[in-house]
């Protein structure tokens, strides 16, 4: 039991590493939370710091979740054993919580999407890759990263149900309900984005399709 508790706590501390804040302070001398949307996540890093600095933020945030599930969770098992799925899930959720409520920066972190993706892709590669494709399409078409993040997060439980629960040997209620929990968490951390989307005030990236659609409207 002590090993499980240790692995969960370490996962939280690992997930809490405030990547965007560190990159902003080291390379630009700013607290990224004081600019753009005020969020310490990858999307705001792209907006404020540019893609060259934001890309490492994305990679590290994703790897925090993956490392928690694949590496840190091993501390909870015997030397020759593998941690149970629920232990790996607990470590993944702890890493996401650490990212959202980072203990290193006043418990004000990012929104957890990248870290949640990294945690779950280690366990559910096919549903997560489909969700990633969904995110990409929505962002390219709409320009709204927040919308893509929420839709792709909600799609994961549905994909898990469709791809695994159709076969008795693949049914894992803990895994399914963890994806539901993470999806609800993503919606919760995006509540301000939801309000801005409904009000038509959400920040939007100007993708080629968005530019084309605007040109069509003007013509």
Protein backbone atom coordinates (compact mmCIF):
# COMPACT_ATOMS: atom_id res chain seq x y z
CA UNK A 1 0.00 0.00 0.00
CA UNK A 2 2.87 2.33 0.81
CA UNK A 3 4.31 1.73 -2.66
CA UNK A 4 1.00 2.68 -4.28
CA UNK A 5 0.76 5.87 -2.24
CA UNK A 6 4.37 6.75 -3.08
CA UNK A 7 3.81 6.20 -6.80
CA UNK A 8 0.67 8.35 -6.81
CA UNK A 9 2.37 11.19 -4.90
CA UNK A 10 5.41 11.09 -7.19
CA UNK A 11 3.12 11.09 -10.23
CA UNK A 12 1.41 14.20 -8.89
CA UNK A 13 4.75 15.91 -8.34
CA UNK A 14 5.95 14.88 -11.80
CA UNK A 15 2.77 16.10 -13.46
CA UNK A 16 3.09 19.34 -11.53
CA UNK A 17 6.32 20.37 -13.24
CA UNK A 18 5.11 23.70 -14.76
CA UNK A 19 6.67 23.34 -18.19
CA UNK A 20 5.12 26.41 -19.83
CA UNK A 21 5.91 28.61 -16.83
CA UNK A 22 9.53 27.45 -16.72
CA UNK A 23 10.05 27.94 -20.46
CA UNK A 24 8.46 31.39 -20.32
CA UNK A 25 10.64 32.51 -17.43
CA UNK A 26 13.90 31.00 -18.72
CA UNK A 27 13.64 32.10 -22.36
CA UNK A 28 11.47 35.23 -22.18
CA UNK A 29 11.70 36.32 -18.55
CA UNK A 30 7.90 36.34 -18.17
CA UNK A 31 5.20 34.50 -16.29
CA UNK A 32 3.05 33.13 -19.10
CA UNK A 33 0.01 33.28 -16.82
CA UNK A 34 0.11 37.07 -17.08
CA UNK A 35 -0.32 37.00 -20.87
CA UNK A 36 -2.77 35.66 -23.43
CA UNK A 37 -5.47 33.56 -21.84
CA UNK A 38 -3.63 33.50 -18.52
CA UNK A 39 -3.30 29.72 -18.67
CA UNK A 40 -0.05 27.84 -18.10
CA UNK A 41 -0.63 25.32 -20.86
CA UNK A 42 0.61 24.52 -24.33
CA UNK A 43 -2.07 26.48 -26.21
CA UNK A 44 -1.23 29.71 -24.43
CA UNK A 45 2.46 28.91 -24.91
CA UNK A 46 1.91 28.80 -28.68
CA UNK A 47 0.04 32.09 -28.50
CA UNK A 48 2.53 33.92 -26.26
CA UNK A 49 5.89 32.24 -26.83
CA UNK A 50 5.62 31.04 -30.42
CA UNK A 51 5.79 27.52 -31.78
CA UNK A 52 9.55 27.01 -31.31
CA UNK A 53 9.25 27.35 -27.55
CA UNK A 54 5.75 25.90 -27.31
CA UNK A 55 6.61 22.61 -29.04
CA UNK A 56 8.92 21.42 -26.24
CA UNK A 57 6.18 22.38 -23.77
CA UNK A 58 3.75 20.06 -25.58
CA UNK A 59 6.26 17.20 -25.69
CA UNK A 60 7.18 17.44 -22.01
CA UNK A 61 3.57 17.80 -20.88
CA UNK A 62 2.62 14.64 -22.79
CA UNK A 63 5.64 12.73 -21.52
CA UNK A 64 4.77 13.60 -17.91
CA UNK A 65 1.57 11.59 -18.25
CA UNK A 66 3.23 8.71 -20.09
CA UNK A 67 6.08 8.48 -17.58
CA UNK A 68 3.65 8.42 -14.67
CA UNK A 69 1.77 5.44 -16.15
CA UNK A 70 4.70 3.46 -17.53
CA UNK A 71 7.50 4.25 -15.08
CA UNK A 72 6.37 5.77 -11.80
CA UNK A 73 3.53 3.24 -11.40
CA UNK A 74 6.14 0.47 -11.26
CA UNK A 75 7.11 1.63 -7.78
CA UNK A 76 3.80 0.21 -6.59
CA UNK A 77 4.58 -3.34 -7.73
CA UNK A 78 6.89 -6.08 -6.61
CA UNK A 79 10.27 -6.19 -8.41
CA UNK A 80 9.14 -8.99 -10.73
CA UNK A 81 5.53 -7.88 -11.07
CA UNK A 82 3.60 -5.40 -13.14
CA UNK A 83 1.37 -2.75 -11.55
CA UNK A 84 -2.34 -3.36 -11.86
CA UNK A 85 -4.24 -1.31 -14.43
CA UNK A 86 -6.03 0.65 -11.71
CA UNK A 87 -2.67 1.64 -10.17
CA UNK A 88 -1.41 2.90 -13.52
CA UNK A 89 -4.66 4.80 -13.99
CA UNK A 90 -4.34 6.33 -10.53
CA UNK A 91 -0.83 7.51 -11.39
CA UNK A 92 -2.06 8.96 -14.67
CA UNK A 93 -4.89 10.84 -12.98
CA UNK A 94 -2.47 12.10 -10.32
CA UNK A 95 -0.15 13.43 -13.02
CA UNK A 96 -3.03 15.27 -14.66
CA UNK A 97 -4.06 16.72 -11.29
CA UNK A 98 -0.48 17.87 -10.76
CA UNK A 99 -0.46 19.61 -14.12
CA UNK A 100 -3.74 21.41 -13.42
CA UNK A 101 -2.93 22.26 -9.79
CA UNK A 102 0.85 22.48 -9.83
CA UNK A 103 2.34 22.62 -6.32
CA UNK A 104 5.34 24.52 -7.67
CA UNK A 105 3.45 27.61 -8.88
CA UNK A 106 0.63 28.42 -6.51
CA UNK A 107 -1.55 25.53 -7.73
CA UNK A 108 -2.25 27.42 -10.99
CA UNK A 109 -1.24 25.23 -13.90
CA UNK A 110 -2.56 24.18 -17.29
CA UNK A 111 -5.75 22.43 -18.32
CA UNK A 112 -4.40 18.92 -18.36
CA UNK A 113 -5.17 17.88 -21.93
CA UNK A 114 -1.62 17.05 -23.02
CA UNK A 115 -0.77 15.22 -19.81
CA UNK A 116 -4.06 13.29 -19.91
CA UNK A 117 -3.30 12.31 -23.51
CA UNK A 118 0.16 11.09 -22.53
CA UNK A 119 -1.22 9.07 -19.63
CA UNK A 120 -3.99 7.40 -21.57
CA UNK A 121 -2.15 6.75 -24.82
CA UNK A 122 0.09 4.35 -22.90
CA UNK A 123 -2.98 2.26 -22.06
CA UNK A 124 -5.34 2.97 -24.94
CA UNK A 125 -3.26 3.79 -28.02
CA UNK A 126 -5.96 3.26 -30.67
CA UNK A 127 -8.78 5.29 -29.02
CA UNK A 128 -6.31 8.04 -28.13
CA UNK A 129 -4.90 8.25 -31.66
CA UNK A 130 -8.45 8.50 -33.03
CA UNK A 131 -9.18 11.22 -30.47
CA UNK A 132 -6.00 13.03 -31.51
CA UNK A 133 -7.14 12.91 -35.13
CA UNK A 134 -10.50 14.30 -34.05
CA UNK A 135 -8.75 17.14 -32.24
CA UNK A 136 -6.63 17.97 -35.28
CA UNK A 137 -9.61 18.08 -37.66
CA UNK A 138 -11.67 20.29 -35.35
CA UNK A 139 -8.78 22.70 -34.75
CA UNK A 140 -7.94 22.96 -38.45
CA UNK A 141 -11.59 23.52 -39.42
CA UNK A 142 -12.67 25.80 -36.58
CA UNK A 143 -9.45 27.32 -35.27
CA UNK A 144 -10.62 26.65 -31.70
CA UNK A 145 -8.12 24.55 -29.76
CA UNK A 146 -10.41 24.47 -26.72
CA UNK A 147 -13.28 23.05 -28.77
CA UNK A 148 -11.04 20.36 -30.24
CA UNK A 149 -9.72 19.48 -26.79
CA UNK A 150 -13.18 19.11 -25.28
CA UNK A 151 -14.68 17.11 -28.14
CA UNK A 152 -11.70 14.76 -28.34
CA UNK A 153 -11.72 14.28 -24.55
CA UNK A 154 -15.41 13.39 -24.57
CA UNK A 155 -14.88 11.04 -27.51
CA UNK A 156 -12.40 8.88 -25.58
CA UNK A 157 -14.94 7.16 -23.25
CA UNK A 158 -17.20 6.51 -26.25
CA UNK A 159 -14.29 5.04 -28.20
CA UNK A 160 -13.25 2.89 -25.24
CA UNK A 161 -16.77 1.57 -24.95
CA UNK A 162 -17.06 0.83 -28.67
CA UNK A 163 -13.62 -0.75 -29.10
CA UNK A 164 -13.30 -2.71 -25.85
CA UNK A 165 -16.71 -3.32 -24.28
CA UNK A 166 -18.03 -5.12 -27.35
CA UNK A 167 -15.76 -8.01 -26.34
CA UNK A 168 -16.18 -9.60 -22.88
CA UNK A 169 -12.43 -10.06 -22.43
CA UNK A 170 -11.83 -6.35 -23.02
CA UNK A 171 -14.35 -5.03 -20.51
CA UNK A 172 -12.70 -3.00 -17.79
CA UNK A 173 -15.12 -0.75 -15.89
CA UNK A 174 -12.30 1.00 -14.02
CA UNK A 175 -10.63 1.95 -17.28
CA UNK A 176 -13.89 3.18 -18.79
CA UNK A 177 -14.90 5.26 -15.78
CA UNK A 178 -11.41 6.74 -15.53
CA UNK A 179 -11.74 8.03 -19.08
CA UNK A 180 -15.14 9.47 -18.13
CA UNK A 181 -13.56 11.17 -15.11
CA UNK A 182 -10.75 12.64 -17.21
CA UNK A 183 -13.24 13.85 -19.83
CA UNK A 184 -15.29 15.58 -17.13
CA UNK A 185 -12.06 17.06 -15.77
CA UNK A 186 -11.19 18.51 -19.18
CA UNK A 187 -14.68 20.05 -19.44
CA UNK A 188 -14.28 21.49 -15.93
CA UNK A 189 -10.92 23.11 -16.66
CA UNK A 190 -12.36 24.53 -19.90
CA UNK A 191 -15.45 26.10 -18.30
CA UNK A 192 -14.20 29.63 -19.04
CA UNK A 193 -13.58 28.59 -22.66
CA UNK A 194 -17.12 27.26 -22.87
CA UNK A 195 -18.45 30.64 -21.73
CA UNK A 196 -16.30 32.45 -24.30
CA UNK A 197 -17.34 30.04 -27.06
CA UNK A 198 -21.01 30.64 -26.30
CA UNK A 199 -20.40 34.39 -26.26
CA UNK A 200 -18.39 34.30 -29.51
CA UNK A 201 -15.29 35.66 -27.73
CA UNK A 202 -13.04 32.60 -27.66
CA UNK A 203 -9.45 32.97 -28.89
CA UNK A 204 -9.08 31.47 -32.33
CA UNK A 205 -6.08 30.37 -34.38
CA UNK A 206 -6.09 31.47 -37.99
CA UNK A 207 -5.73 28.15 -39.83
CA UNK A 208 -5.78 27.92 -43.65
CA UNK A 209 -9.38 26.67 -43.57
CA UNK A 210 -10.45 29.47 -41.23
CA UNK A 211 -8.83 32.03 -43.53
CA UNK A 212 -10.58 30.49 -46.53
CA UNK A 213 -13.97 30.44 -44.81
CA UNK A 214 -13.60 34.10 -43.79
CA UNK A 215 -12.71 35.00 -47.36
CA UNK A 216 -15.81 33.17 -48.60
CA UNK A 217 -18.01 35.10 -46.17
CA UNK A 218 -16.54 38.45 -47.24
CA UNK A 219 -17.02 37.62 -50.92
